[in-house]
Every structure is written in structure tokens, then in C-alpha cells.
């Protein structure tokens, strides 16, 4: 039980090697938090719809995303603001129009999986 932290070493175990395997699988807390944050972005149906649309359509404007998802422009803007703050998307200005695209490769991989399952 070489991976068990000292503060938990007095707990009763049944399969010590499995405990170490489980601890190794969990990994560093900051990695777990980063993945939990990614999944929380995907947990909202509106944000997930936006991300799926962005993933398939490439750089696209807010009003076009609103039309594609059936959301209001303000709701799309608010969701994109959150996604941008999380580092999932970026906007690129083209005159007065801002087109958004996915920049988080891990989220893009999850979206590929969603699209595969949907077909």
C-alpha cells in the first residue's frame, strides 16, 4: 500500500493492491478538477448544443449559432462568455462579426465521441 497517504494509512483495507491501483487511476487532484470542470461545461444542454454546432460547423457567428440551436442571441452570448472564460472556445473578430471556434482539444475529443454515438 505504498500509494496510500500517511493520513489514511490507519484505515482498514481488504485488497491493498487494488487500493493502490485505484489511487494511481485517480491521479493528481488538479487533473481530476480539470476534467470535472470540462464535464460541467458539457452538462448543460444549451452549452453542449453550442459546442456540437461549433465542432461541426467551424468558426461561426453568434446569430448563426442562435439560429442553429434555437436559442436566443443573448443566451448564446452568455454561454459563449462562460466557454471562453473556461478556455474552451475563442472568438475571432472579422470586422463587426465575431466567429467562435473550439480551442480545447480535450473537449473536441469528447465532442467527437458524442457525434459518433449520435449516429
PDB file of N, CA and C in Angstrom:
ATOM      1  N   UNK A   1       0.838  -1.181   0.000  1.00  0.00           N
ATOM      2  CA  UNK A   1       0.000   0.000   0.000  1.00  0.00           C
ATOM      3  C   UNK A   1       0.877   1.235   0.000  1.00  0.00           C
ATOM      4  N   UNK A   2       1.785   1.238  -0.922  1.00  0.00           N
ATOM      5  CA  UNK A   2       2.783   2.305  -0.998  1.00  0.00           C
ATOM      6  C   UNK A   2       2.219   3.650  -1.457  1.00  0.00           C
ATOM      7  N   UNK A   3       1.028   3.679  -2.080  1.00  0.00           N
ATOM      8  CA  UNK A   3       0.457   4.932  -2.561  1.00  0.00           C
ATOM      9  C   UNK A   3      -0.517   5.581  -1.577  1.00  0.00           C
ATOM     10  N   UNK A   4      -0.854   4.904  -0.509  1.00  0.00           N
ATOM     11  CA  UNK A   4      -1.803   5.441   0.460  1.00  0.00           C
ATOM     12  C   UNK A   4      -1.130   6.576   1.243  1.00  0.00           C
ATOM     13  N   UNK A   5      -1.749   7.754   1.248  1.00  0.00           N
ATOM     14  CA  UNK A   5      -1.186   8.868   2.013  1.00  0.00           C
ATOM     15  C   UNK A   5      -1.124   8.533   3.504  1.00  0.00           C
ATOM     16  N   UNK A   6      -0.161   9.098   4.174  1.00  0.00           N
ATOM     17  CA  UNK A   6       0.065   8.808   5.596  1.00  0.00           C
ATOM     18  C   UNK A   6      -1.190   9.037   6.434  1.00  0.00           C
ATOM     19  N   UNK A   7      -1.953  10.103   6.120  1.00  0.00           N
ATOM     20  CA  UNK A   7      -3.137  10.402   6.924  1.00  0.00           C
ATOM     21  C   UNK A   7      -4.255   9.370   6.758  1.00  0.00           C
ATOM     22  N   UNK A   8      -4.143   8.487   5.770  1.00  0.00           N
ATOM     23  CA  UNK A   8      -5.149   7.439   5.572  1.00  0.00           C
ATOM     24  C   UNK A   8      -4.597   6.040   5.819  1.00  0.00           C
ATOM     25  N   UNK A   9      -3.376   5.940   6.251  1.00  0.00           N
ATOM     26  CA  UNK A   9      -2.722   4.627   6.380  1.00  0.00           C
ATOM     27  C   UNK A   9      -3.308   3.761   7.485  1.00  0.00           C
ATOM     28  N   UNK A  10      -4.051   4.349   8.418  1.00  0.00           N
ATOM     29  CA  UNK A  10      -4.629   3.551   9.505  1.00  0.00           C
ATOM     30  C   UNK A  10      -6.006   2.975   9.151  1.00  0.00           C
ATOM     31  N   UNK A  11      -6.512   3.246   7.948  1.00  0.00           N
ATOM     32  CA  UNK A  11      -7.813   2.711   7.529  1.00  0.00           C
ATOM     33  C   UNK A  11      -7.690   1.222   7.209  1.00  0.00           C
ATOM     34  N   UNK A  12      -8.727   0.485   7.498  1.00  0.00           N
ATOM     35  CA  UNK A  12      -8.769  -0.943   7.213  1.00  0.00           C
ATOM     36  C   UNK A  12      -8.870  -1.148   5.695  1.00  0.00           C
ATOM     37  N   UNK A  13      -8.131  -2.100   5.175  1.00  0.00           N
ATOM     38  CA  UNK A  13      -8.207  -2.423   3.742  1.00  0.00           C
ATOM     39  C   UNK A  13      -8.502  -3.898   3.560  1.00  0.00           C
ATOM     40  N   UNK A  14      -9.085  -4.200   2.431  1.00  0.00           N
ATOM     41  CA  UNK A  14      -9.353  -5.597   2.087  1.00  0.00           C
ATOM     42  C   UNK A  14      -8.365  -6.045   1.017  1.00  0.00           C
ATOM     43  N   UNK A  15      -8.244  -5.269  -0.044  1.00  0.00           N
ATOM     44  CA  UNK A  15      -7.304  -5.581  -1.132  1.00  0.00           C
ATOM     45  C   UNK A  15      -6.370  -4.387  -1.318  1.00  0.00           C
ATOM     46  N   UNK A  16      -5.281  -4.386  -0.604  1.00  0.00           N
ATOM     47  CA  UNK A  16      -4.340  -3.267  -0.629  1.00  0.00           C
ATOM     48  C   UNK A  16      -3.832  -2.931  -2.019  1.00  0.00           C
ATOM     49  N   UNK A  17      -3.571  -3.945  -2.832  1.00  0.00           N
ATOM     50  CA  UNK A  17      -3.068  -3.677  -4.185  1.00  0.00           C
ATOM     51  C   UNK A  17      -4.126  -2.965  -5.030  1.00  0.00           C
ATOM     52  N   UNK A  18      -5.402  -3.283  -4.807  1.00  0.00           N
ATOM     53  CA  UNK A  18      -6.471  -2.600  -5.540  1.00  0.00           C
ATOM     54  C   UNK A  18      -6.606  -1.143  -5.089  1.00  0.00           C
ATOM     55  N   UNK A  19      -6.362  -0.909  -3.809  1.00  0.00           N
ATOM     56  CA  UNK A  19      -6.381   0.466  -3.308  1.00  0.00           C
ATOM     57  C   UNK A  19      -5.305   1.280  -4.027  1.00  0.00           C
ATOM     58  N   UNK A  20      -4.122   0.725  -4.145  1.00  0.00           N
ATOM     59  CA  UNK A  20      -3.039   1.428  -4.849  1.00  0.00           C
ATOM     60  C   UNK A  20      -3.369   1.631  -6.322  1.00  0.00           C
ATOM     61  N   UNK A  21      -3.972   0.626  -6.950  1.00  0.00           N
ATOM     62  CA  UNK A  21      -4.395   0.772  -8.356  1.00  0.00           C
ATOM     63  C   UNK A  21      -5.425   1.889  -8.493  1.00  0.00           C
ATOM     64  N   UNK A  22      -6.374   1.949  -7.534  1.00  0.00           N
ATOM     65  CA  UNK A  22      -7.407   2.985  -7.575  1.00  0.00           C
ATOM     66  C   UNK A  22      -6.796   4.368  -7.372  1.00  0.00           C
ATOM     67  N   UNK A  23      -5.871   4.489  -6.441  1.00  0.00           N
ATOM     68  CA  UNK A  23      -5.207   5.776  -6.204  1.00  0.00           C
ATOM     69  C   UNK A  23      -4.435   6.209  -7.448  1.00  0.00           C
ATOM     70  N   UNK A  24      -3.743   5.275  -8.082  1.00  0.00           N
ATOM     71  CA  UNK A  24      -2.997   5.589  -9.306  1.00  0.00           C
ATOM     72  C   UNK A  24      -3.944   6.015 -10.427  1.00  0.00           C
ATOM     73  N   UNK A  25      -5.114   5.361 -10.513  1.00  0.00           N
ATOM     74  CA  UNK A  25      -6.079   5.700 -11.558  1.00  0.00           C
ATOM     75  C   UNK A  25      -6.650   7.097 -11.362  1.00  0.00           C
ATOM     76  N   UNK A  26      -6.864   7.492 -10.120  1.00  0.00           N
ATOM     77  CA  UNK A  26      -7.399   8.820  -9.830  1.00  0.00           C
ATOM     78  C   UNK A  26      -6.391   9.892 -10.198  1.00  0.00           C
ATOM     79  N   UNK A  27      -5.144   9.680  -9.887  1.00  0.00           N
ATOM     80  CA  UNK A  27      -4.095  10.633 -10.248  1.00  0.00           C
ATOM     81  C   UNK A  27      -4.106  11.879  -9.381  1.00  0.00           C
ATOM     82  N   UNK A  28      -3.560  12.933  -9.925  1.00  0.00           N
ATOM     83  CA  UNK A  28      -3.415  14.193  -9.200  1.00  0.00           C
ATOM     84  C   UNK A  28      -4.755  14.913  -9.081  1.00  0.00           C
ATOM     85  N   UNK A  29      -5.030  15.489  -7.911  1.00  0.00           N
ATOM     86  CA  UNK A  29      -6.303  16.195  -7.717  1.00  0.00           C
ATOM     87  C   UNK A  29      -6.555  17.309  -8.732  1.00  0.00           C
ATOM     88  N   UNK A  30      -5.519  18.015  -9.159  1.00  0.00           N
ATOM     89  CA  UNK A  30      -5.753  19.103 -10.122  1.00  0.00           C
ATOM     90  C   UNK A  30      -6.177  18.564 -11.494  1.00  0.00           C
ATOM     91  N   UNK A  31      -5.743  17.359 -11.850  1.00  0.00           N
ATOM     92  CA  UNK A  31      -6.200  16.749 -13.105  1.00  0.00           C
ATOM     93  C   UNK A  31      -7.672  16.339 -12.995  1.00  0.00           C
ATOM     94  N   UNK A  32      -8.034  15.790 -11.846  1.00  0.00           N
ATOM     95  CA  UNK A  32      -9.427  15.410 -11.617  1.00  0.00           C
ATOM     96  C   UNK A  32     -10.310  16.652 -11.693  1.00  0.00           C
ATOM     97  N   UNK A  33      -9.883  17.746 -11.072  1.00  0.00           N
ATOM     98  CA  UNK A  33     -10.651  19.001 -11.080  1.00  0.00           C
ATOM     99  C   UNK A  33     -10.782  19.535 -12.511  1.00  0.00           C
ATOM    100  N   UNK A  34      -9.696  19.480 -13.296  1.00  0.00           N
ATOM    101  CA  UNK A  34      -9.739  19.977 -14.675  1.00  0.00           C
ATOM    102  C   UNK A  34     -10.751  19.188 -15.502  1.00  0.00           C
ATOM    103  N   UNK A  35     -10.779  17.862 -15.345  1.00  0.00           N
ATOM    104  CA  UNK A  35     -11.750  17.060 -16.087  1.00  0.00           C
ATOM    105  C   UNK A  35     -13.164  17.300 -15.593  1.00  0.00           C
ATOM    106  N   UNK A  36     -13.333  17.459 -14.281  1.00  0.00           N
ATOM    107  CA  UNK A  36     -14.664  17.755 -13.740  1.00  0.00           C
ATOM    108  C   UNK A  36     -15.175  19.078 -14.299  1.00  0.00           C
ATOM    109  N   UNK A  37     -14.282  20.057 -14.418  1.00  0.00           N
ATOM    110  CA  UNK A  37     -14.674  21.350 -14.990  1.00  0.00           C
ATOM    111  C   UNK A  37     -15.087  21.198 -16.458  1.00  0.00           C
ATOM    112  N   UNK A  38     -14.346  20.390 -17.207  1.00  0.00           N
ATOM    113  CA  UNK A  38     -14.719  20.156 -18.613  1.00  0.00           C
ATOM    114  C   UNK A  38     -16.100  19.512 -18.708  1.00  0.00           C
ATOM    115  N   UNK A  39     -16.312  18.494 -17.885  1.00  0.00           N
ATOM    116  CA  UNK A  39     -17.604  17.821 -17.924  1.00  0.00           C
ATOM    117  C   UNK A  39     -18.730  18.759 -17.500  1.00  0.00           C
ATOM    118  N   UNK A  40     -18.467  19.677 -16.580  1.00  0.00           N
ATOM    119  CA  UNK A  40     -19.521  20.610 -16.167  1.00  0.00           C
ATOM    120  C   UNK A  40     -19.908  21.538 -17.315  1.00  0.00           C
ATOM    121  N   UNK A  41     -18.941  21.865 -18.173  1.00  0.00           N
ATOM    122  CA  UNK A  41     -19.263  22.676 -19.357  1.00  0.00           C
ATOM    123  C   UNK A  41     -20.203  21.923 -20.294  1.00  0.00           C
ATOM    124  N   UNK A  42     -20.025  20.621 -20.373  1.00  0.00           N
ATOM    125  CA  UNK A  42     -20.830  19.788 -21.266  1.00  0.00           C
ATOM    126  C   UNK A  42     -22.167  19.393 -20.647  1.00  0.00           C
ATOM    127  N   UNK A  43     -22.324  19.601 -19.337  1.00  0.00           N
ATOM    128  CA  UNK A  43     -23.514  19.129 -18.630  1.00  0.00           C
ATOM    129  C   UNK A  43     -24.765  19.937 -18.949  1.00  0.00           C
ATOM    130  N   UNK A  44     -24.609  21.152 -19.431  1.00  0.00           N
ATOM    131  CA  UNK A  44     -25.756  21.986 -19.775  1.00  0.00           C
ATOM    132  C   UNK A  44     -26.157  21.718 -21.226  1.00  0.00           C
ATOM    133  N   UNK A  45     -27.418  21.364 -21.492  1.00  0.00           N
ATOM    134  CA  UNK A  45     -27.831  21.046 -22.867  1.00  0.00           C
ATOM    135  C   UNK A  45     -27.592  22.189 -23.857  1.00  0.00           C
ATOM    136  N   UNK A  46     -27.809  23.424 -23.437  1.00  0.00           N
ATOM    137  CA  UNK A  46     -27.575  24.560 -24.334  1.00  0.00           C
ATOM    138  C   UNK A  46     -26.102  24.697 -24.709  1.00  0.00           C
ATOM    139  N   UNK A  47     -25.232  24.615 -23.707  1.00  0.00           N
ATOM    140  CA  UNK A  47     -23.795  24.710 -23.995  1.00  0.00           C
ATOM    141  C   UNK A  47     -23.326  23.536 -24.830  1.00  0.00           C
ATOM    142  N   UNK A  48     -23.848  22.344 -24.533  1.00  0.00           N
ATOM    143  CA  UNK A  48     -23.462  21.174 -25.321  1.00  0.00           C
ATOM    144  C   UNK A  48     -23.901  21.334 -26.767  1.00  0.00           C
ATOM    145  N   UNK A  49     -25.121  21.841 -26.982  1.00  0.00           N
ATOM    146  CA  UNK A  49     -25.594  22.074 -28.356  1.00  0.00           C
ATOM    147  C   UNK A  49     -24.692  23.075 -29.073  1.00  0.00           C
ATOM    148  N   UNK A  50     -24.307  24.143 -28.372  1.00  0.00           N
ATOM    149  CA  UNK A  50     -23.401  25.129 -28.974  1.00  0.00           C
ATOM    150  C   UNK A  50     -22.063  24.507 -29.333  1.00  0.00           C
ATOM    151  N   UNK A  51     -21.526  23.719 -28.420  1.00  0.00           N
ATOM    152  CA  UNK A  51     -20.225  23.091 -28.678  1.00  0.00           C
ATOM    153  C   UNK A  51     -20.303  22.095 -29.831  1.00  0.00           C
ATOM    154  N   UNK A  52     -21.383  21.330 -29.890  1.00  0.00           N
ATOM    155  CA  UNK A  52     -21.535  20.398 -31.011  1.00  0.00           C
ATOM    156  C   UNK A  52     -21.633  21.154 -32.334  1.00  0.00           C
ATOM    157  N   UNK A  53     -22.388  22.249 -32.346  1.00  0.00           N
ATOM    158  CA  UNK A  53     -22.511  23.059 -33.561  1.00  0.00           C
ATOM    159  C   UNK A  53     -21.164  23.653 -33.948  1.00  0.00           C
ATOM    160  N   UNK A  54     -20.441  24.179 -32.962  1.00  0.00           N
ATOM    161  CA  UNK A  54     -19.113  24.746 -33.243  1.00  0.00           C
ATOM    162  C   UNK A  54     -18.156  23.684 -33.763  1.00  0.00           C
ATOM    163  N   UNK A  55     -18.248  22.504 -33.196  1.00  0.00           N
ATOM    164  CA  UNK A  55     -17.341  21.431 -33.600  1.00  0.00           C
ATOM    165  C   UNK A  55     -17.572  21.025 -35.046  1.00  0.00           C
ATOM    166  N   UNK A  56     -18.818  20.973 -35.468  1.00  0.00           N
ATOM    167  CA  UNK A  56     -19.132  20.566 -36.838  1.00  0.00           C
ATOM    168  C   UNK A  56     -19.001  21.699 -37.848  1.00  0.00           C
ATOM    169  N   UNK A  57     -19.443  22.893 -37.458  1.00  0.00           N
ATOM    170  CA  UNK A  57     -19.536  23.999 -38.413  1.00  0.00           C
ATOM    171  C   UNK A  57     -18.275  24.844 -38.481  1.00  0.00           C
ATOM    172  N   UNK A  58     -17.388  24.695 -37.523  1.00  0.00           N
ATOM    173  CA  UNK A  58     -16.189  25.529 -37.529  1.00  0.00           C
ATOM    174  C   UNK A  58     -16.503  26.929 -37.055  1.00  0.00           C
ATOM    175  N   UNK A  59     -15.675  27.887 -37.376  1.00  0.00           N
ATOM    176  CA  UNK A  59     -15.926  29.263 -36.908  1.00  0.00           C
ATOM    177  C   UNK A  59     -17.291  29.765 -37.375  1.00  0.00           C
ATOM    178  N   UNK A  60     -18.095  30.196 -36.401  1.00  0.00           N
ATOM    179  CA  UNK A  60     -19.464  30.604 -36.714  1.00  0.00           C
ATOM    180  C   UNK A  60     -19.872  31.743 -35.786  1.00  0.00           C
ATOM    181  N   UNK A  61     -20.689  32.635 -36.289  1.00  0.00           N
ATOM    182  CA  UNK A  61     -21.119  33.829 -35.561  1.00  0.00           C
ATOM    183  C   UNK A  61     -22.241  33.509 -34.563  1.00  0.00           C
ATOM    184  N   UNK A  62     -22.381  34.385 -33.578  1.00  0.00           N
ATOM    185  CA  UNK A  62     -23.388  34.221 -32.527  1.00  0.00           C
ATOM    186  C   UNK A  62     -24.795  34.092 -33.116  1.00  0.00           C
ATOM    187  N   UNK A  63     -25.176  34.967 -34.016  1.00  0.00           N
ATOM    188  CA  UNK A  63     -26.537  34.919 -34.562  1.00  0.00           C
ATOM    189  C   UNK A  63     -26.782  33.623 -35.329  1.00  0.00           C
ATOM    190  N   UNK A  64     -25.755  33.123 -36.020  1.00  0.00           N
ATOM    191  CA  UNK A  64     -25.900  31.851 -36.727  1.00  0.00           C
ATOM    192  C   UNK A  64     -26.008  30.684 -35.747  1.00  0.00           C
ATOM    193  N   UNK A  65     -25.258  30.753 -34.647  1.00  0.00           N
ATOM    194  CA  UNK A  65     -25.364  29.724 -33.608  1.00  0.00           C
ATOM    195  C   UNK A  65     -26.755  29.748 -32.977  1.00  0.00           C
ATOM    196  N   UNK A  66     -27.287  30.945 -32.759  1.00  0.00           N
ATOM    197  CA  UNK A  66     -28.624  31.076 -32.185  1.00  0.00           C
ATOM    198  C   UNK A  66     -29.659  30.427 -33.101  1.00  0.00           C
ATOM    199  N   UNK A  67     -29.539  30.687 -34.394  1.00  0.00           N
ATOM    200  CA  UNK A  67     -30.459  30.099 -35.360  1.00  0.00           C
ATOM    201  C   UNK A  67     -30.330  28.577 -35.377  1.00  0.00           C
ATOM    202  N   UNK A  68     -29.099  28.082 -35.376  1.00  0.00           N
ATOM    203  CA  UNK A  68     -28.855  26.635 -35.443  1.00  0.00           C
ATOM    204  C   UNK A  68     -29.362  25.900 -34.204  1.00  0.00           C
ATOM    205  N   UNK A  69     -29.224  26.523 -33.030  1.00  0.00           N
ATOM    206  CA  UNK A  69     -29.580  25.838 -31.778  1.00  0.00           C
ATOM    207  C   UNK A  69     -30.982  26.150 -31.288  1.00  0.00           C
ATOM    208  N   UNK A  70     -31.620  27.188 -31.857  1.00  0.00           N
ATOM    209  CA  UNK A  70     -32.936  27.592 -31.388  1.00  0.00           C
ATOM    210  C   UNK A  70     -32.886  28.421 -30.113  1.00  0.00           C
ATOM    211  N   UNK A  71     -31.687  28.883 -29.765  1.00  0.00           N
ATOM    212  CA  UNK A  71     -31.520  29.713 -28.570  1.00  0.00           C
ATOM    213  C   UNK A  71     -31.591  31.180 -28.959  1.00  0.00           C
ATOM    214  N   UNK A  72     -31.804  32.050 -27.975  1.00  0.00           N
ATOM    215  CA  UNK A  72     -31.776  33.491 -28.222  1.00  0.00           C
ATOM    216  C   UNK A  72     -30.328  33.959 -28.294  1.00  0.00           C
ATOM    217  N   UNK A  73     -30.096  35.032 -29.058  1.00  0.00           N
ATOM    218  CA  UNK A  73     -28.749  35.579 -29.196  1.00  0.00           C
ATOM    219  C   UNK A  73     -28.115  35.865 -27.839  1.00  0.00           C
ATOM    220  N   UNK A  74     -28.897  36.415 -26.908  1.00  0.00           N
ATOM    221  CA  UNK A  74     -28.349  36.757 -25.594  1.00  0.00           C
ATOM    222  C   UNK A  74     -27.927  35.514 -24.822  1.00  0.00           C
ATOM    223  N   UNK A  75     -28.709  34.436 -24.929  1.00  0.00           N
ATOM    224  CA  UNK A  75     -28.353  33.189 -24.250  1.00  0.00           C
ATOM    225  C   UNK A  75     -27.093  32.587 -24.856  1.00  0.00           C
ATOM    226  N   UNK A  76     -26.968  32.669 -26.177  1.00  0.00           N
ATOM    227  CA  UNK A  76     -25.772  32.166 -26.855  1.00  0.00           C
ATOM    228  C   UNK A  76     -24.561  32.986 -26.412  1.00  0.00           C
ATOM    229  N   UNK A  77     -24.696  34.298 -26.392  1.00  0.00           N
ATOM    230  CA  UNK A  77     -23.584  35.162 -25.977  1.00  0.00           C
ATOM    231  C   UNK A  77     -23.151  34.855 -24.551  1.00  0.00           C
ATOM    232  N   UNK A  78     -24.125  34.665 -23.672  1.00  0.00           N
ATOM    233  CA  UNK A  78     -23.810  34.365 -22.274  1.00  0.00           C
ATOM    234  C   UNK A  78     -23.082  33.025 -22.159  1.00  0.00           C
ATOM    235  N   UNK A  79     -23.556  32.015 -22.864  1.00  0.00           N
ATOM    236  CA  UNK A  79     -22.912  30.700 -22.831  1.00  0.00           C
ATOM    237  C   UNK A  79     -21.504  30.771 -23.422  1.00  0.00           C
ATOM    238  N   UNK A  80     -21.345  31.502 -24.501  1.00  0.00           N
ATOM    239  CA  UNK A  80     -20.021  31.637 -25.115  1.00  0.00           C
ATOM    240  C   UNK A  80     -19.055  32.383 -24.204  1.00  0.00           C
ATOM    241  N   UNK A  81     -19.571  33.335 -23.451  1.00  0.00           N
ATOM    242  CA  UNK A  81     -18.731  34.064 -22.497  1.00  0.00           C
ATOM    243  C   UNK A  81     -18.168  33.085 -21.458  1.00  0.00           C
ATOM    244  N   UNK A  82     -19.016  32.197 -20.961  1.00  0.00           N
ATOM    245  CA  UNK A  82     -18.583  31.187 -19.997  1.00  0.00           C
ATOM    246  C   UNK A  82     -17.586  30.217 -20.636  1.00  0.00           C
ATOM    247  N   UNK A  83     -17.888  29.757 -21.834  1.00  0.00           N
ATOM    248  CA  UNK A  83     -16.998  28.829 -22.541  1.00  0.00           C
ATOM    249  C   UNK A  83     -15.656  29.475 -22.870  1.00  0.00           C
ATOM    250  N   UNK A  84     -15.687  30.748 -23.192  1.00  0.00           N
ATOM    251  CA  UNK A  84     -14.444  31.485 -23.474  1.00  0.00           C
ATOM    252  C   UNK A  84     -13.618  31.625 -22.193  1.00  0.00           C
ATOM    253  N   UNK A  85     -14.259  31.963 -21.089  1.00  0.00           N
ATOM    254  CA  UNK A  85     -13.566  32.103 -19.801  1.00  0.00           C
ATOM    255  C   UNK A  85     -12.933  30.782 -19.363  1.00  0.00           C
ATOM    256  N   UNK A  86     -13.564  29.678 -19.722  1.00  0.00           N
ATOM    257  CA  UNK A  86     -13.040  28.354 -19.377  1.00  0.00           C
ATOM    258  C   UNK A  86     -11.947  27.892 -20.332  1.00  0.00           C
ATOM    259  N   UNK A  87     -11.705  28.648 -21.395  1.00  0.00           N
ATOM    260  CA  UNK A  87     -10.673  28.275 -22.357  1.00  0.00           C
ATOM    261  C   UNK A  87     -11.113  27.236 -23.367  1.00  0.00           C
ATOM    262  N   UNK A  88     -12.417  27.026 -23.487  1.00  0.00           N
ATOM    263  CA  UNK A  88     -12.931  26.022 -24.418  1.00  0.00           C
ATOM    264  C   UNK A  88     -13.082  26.568 -25.830  1.00  0.00           C
ATOM    265  N   UNK A  89     -13.429  27.849 -25.941  1.00  0.00           N
ATOM    266  CA  UNK A  89     -13.629  28.470 -27.256  1.00  0.00           C
ATOM    267  C   UNK A  89     -12.887  29.797 -27.322  1.00  0.00           C
ATOM    268  N   UNK A  90     -12.690  30.251 -28.546  1.00  0.00           N
ATOM    269  CA  UNK A  90     -12.113  31.569 -28.809  1.00  0.00           C
ATOM    270  C   UNK A  90     -12.948  32.244 -29.879  1.00  0.00           C
ATOM    271  N   UNK A  91     -12.999  33.549 -29.785  1.00  0.00           N
ATOM    272  CA  UNK A  91     -13.669  34.328 -30.808  1.00  0.00           C
ATOM    273  C   UNK A  91     -12.651  35.072 -31.644  1.00  0.00           C
ATOM    274  N   UNK A  92     -12.912  35.135 -32.932  1.00  0.00           N
ATOM    275  CA  UNK A  92     -12.032  35.872 -33.842  1.00  0.00           C
ATOM    276  C   UNK A  92     -12.871  36.924 -34.545  1.00  0.00           C
ATOM    277  N   UNK A  93     -12.444  38.153 -34.387  1.00  0.00           N
ATOM    278  CA  UNK A  93     -13.195  39.270 -34.939  1.00  0.00           C
ATOM    279  C   UNK A  93     -12.896  39.423 -36.433  1.00  0.00           C
ATOM    280  N   UNK A  94     -13.960  39.591 -37.200  1.00  0.00           N
ATOM    281  CA  UNK A  94     -13.865  39.824 -38.642  1.00  0.00           C
ATOM    282  C   UNK A  94     -14.755  41.032 -38.927  1.00  0.00           C
ATOM    283  N   UNK A  95     -14.180  42.223 -38.852  1.00  0.00           N
ATOM    284  CA  UNK A  95     -14.985  43.438 -38.952  1.00  0.00           C
ATOM    285  C   UNK A  95     -15.834  43.564 -37.698  1.00  0.00           C
ATOM    286  N   UNK A  96     -17.151  43.624 -37.892  1.00  0.00           N
ATOM    287  CA  UNK A  96     -18.064  43.716 -36.750  1.00  0.00           C
ATOM    288  C   UNK A  96     -18.553  42.356 -36.270  1.00  0.00           C
ATOM    289  N   UNK A  97     -18.190  41.313 -36.975  1.00  0.00           N
ATOM    290  CA  UNK A  97     -18.662  39.965 -36.647  1.00  0.00           C
ATOM    291  C   UNK A  97     -17.572  39.206 -35.897  1.00  0.00           C
ATOM    292  N   UNK A  98     -17.985  38.501 -34.838  1.00  0.00           N
ATOM    293  CA  UNK A  98     -17.071  37.619 -34.109  1.00  0.00           C
ATOM    294  C   UNK A  98     -17.503  36.186 -34.389  1.00  0.00           C
ATOM    295  N   UNK A  99     -16.559  35.404 -34.876  1.00  0.00           N
ATOM    296  CA  UNK A  99     -16.825  33.989 -35.143  1.00  0.00           C
ATOM    297  C   UNK A  99     -16.090  33.164 -34.093  1.00  0.00           C
ATOM    298  N   UNK A 100     -16.802  32.191 -33.531  1.00  0.00           N
ATOM    299  CA  UNK A 100     -16.250  31.367 -32.457  1.00  0.00           C
ATOM    300  C   UNK A 100     -15.848  29.998 -32.974  1.00  0.00           C
ATOM    301  N   UNK A 101     -14.837  29.444 -32.297  1.00  0.00           N
ATOM    302  CA  UNK A 101     -14.367  28.096 -32.626  1.00  0.00           C
ATOM    303  C   UNK A 101     -13.877  27.428 -31.351  1.00  0.00           C
ATOM    304  N   UNK A 102     -13.842  26.121 -31.360  1.00  0.00           N
ATOM    305  CA  UNK A 102     -13.362  25.353 -30.210  1.00  0.00           C
ATOM    306  C   UNK A 102     -11.839  25.349 -30.230  1.00  0.00           C
ATOM    307  N   UNK A 103     -11.227  25.580 -29.071  1.00  0.00           N
ATOM    308  CA  UNK A 103      -9.769  25.567 -28.970  1.00  0.00           C
ATOM    309  C   UNK A 103      -9.254  24.536 -27.960  1.00  0.00           C
ATOM    310  N   UNK A 104     -10.145  23.936 -27.200  1.00  0.00           N
ATOM    311  CA  UNK A 104      -9.742  22.918 -26.224  1.00  0.00           C
ATOM    312  C   UNK A 104      -9.791  21.553 -26.902  1.00  0.00           C
ATOM    313  N   UNK A 105      -8.619  20.962 -27.133  1.00  0.00           N
ATOM    314  CA  UNK A 105      -8.543  19.678 -27.830  1.00  0.00           C
ATOM    315  C   UNK A 105      -9.224  18.545 -27.065  1.00  0.00           C
ATOM    316  N   UNK A 106      -9.180  18.603 -25.746  1.00  0.00           N
ATOM    317  CA  UNK A 106      -9.822  17.550 -24.940  1.00  0.00           C
ATOM    318  C   UNK A 106     -11.338  17.599 -25.122  1.00  0.00           C
ATOM    319  N   UNK A 107     -11.895  18.785 -25.114  1.00  0.00           N
ATOM    320  CA  UNK A 107     -13.343  18.924 -25.345  1.00  0.00           C
ATOM    321  C   UNK A 107     -13.690  18.503 -26.766  1.00  0.00           C
ATOM    322  N   UNK A 108     -12.852  18.860 -27.717  1.00  0.00           N
ATOM    323  CA  UNK A 108     -13.091  18.438 -29.105  1.00  0.00           C
ATOM    324  C   UNK A 108     -13.133  16.914 -29.197  1.00  0.00           C
ATOM    325  N   UNK A 109     -12.256  16.236 -28.475  1.00  0.00           N
ATOM    326  CA  UNK A 109     -12.263  14.773 -28.462  1.00  0.00           C
ATOM    327  C   UNK A 109     -13.538  14.205 -27.872  1.00  0.00           C
ATOM    328  N   UNK A 110     -14.019  14.816 -26.794  1.00  0.00           N
ATOM    329  CA  UNK A 110     -15.281  14.380 -26.197  1.00  0.00           C
ATOM    330  C   UNK A 110     -16.446  14.601 -27.152  1.00  0.00           C
ATOM    331  N   UNK A 111     -16.422  15.717 -27.863  1.00  0.00           N
ATOM    332  CA  UNK A 111     -17.489  16.017 -28.825  1.00  0.00           C
ATOM    333  C   UNK A 111     -17.472  15.032 -29.987  1.00  0.00           C
ATOM    334  N   UNK A 112     -16.295  14.644 -30.420  1.00  0.00           N
ATOM    335  CA  UNK A 112     -16.204  13.615 -31.485  1.00  0.00           C
ATOM    336  C   UNK A 112     -16.901  12.340 -31.027  1.00  0.00           C
ATOM    337  N   UNK A 113     -16.687  12.004 -29.774  1.00  0.00           N
ATOM    338  CA  UNK A 113     -17.317  10.797 -29.218  1.00  0.00           C
ATOM    339  C   UNK A 113     -18.845  10.955 -29.178  1.00  0.00           C
ATOM    340  N   UNK A 114     -19.325  12.138 -28.781  1.00  0.00           N
ATOM    341  CA  UNK A 114     -20.771  12.406 -28.752  1.00  0.00           C
ATOM    342  C   UNK A 114     -21.360  12.268 -30.150  1.00  0.00           C
ATOM    343  N   UNK A 115     -20.664  12.827 -31.133  1.00  0.00           N
ATOM    344  CA  UNK A 115     -21.168  12.765 -32.504  1.00  0.00           C
ATOM    345  C   UNK A 115     -21.198  11.344 -33.029  1.00  0.00           C
ATOM    346  N   UNK A 116     -20.208  10.544 -32.667  1.00  0.00           N
ATOM    347  CA  UNK A 116     -20.148   9.152 -33.087  1.00  0.00           C
ATOM    348  C   UNK A 116     -21.307   8.373 -32.482  1.00  0.00           C
ATOM    349  N   UNK A 117     -21.590   8.611 -31.216  1.00  0.00           N
ATOM    350  CA  UNK A 117     -22.674   7.921 -30.526  1.00  0.00           C
ATOM    351  C   UNK A 117     -24.046   8.322 -31.078  1.00  0.00           C
ATOM    352  N   UNK A 118     -24.179   9.564 -31.541  1.00  0.00           N
ATOM    353  CA  UNK A 118     -25.470  10.068 -32.016  1.00  0.00           C
ATOM    354  C   UNK A 118     -25.844   9.484 -33.382  1.00  0.00           C
ATOM    355  N   UNK A 119     -24.886   8.989 -34.088  1.00  0.00           N
ATOM    356  CA  UNK A 119     -25.170   8.481 -35.446  1.00  0.00           C
ATOM    357  C   UNK A 119     -25.587   7.051 -35.447  1.00  0.00           C
TER     358      UNK A 119
END
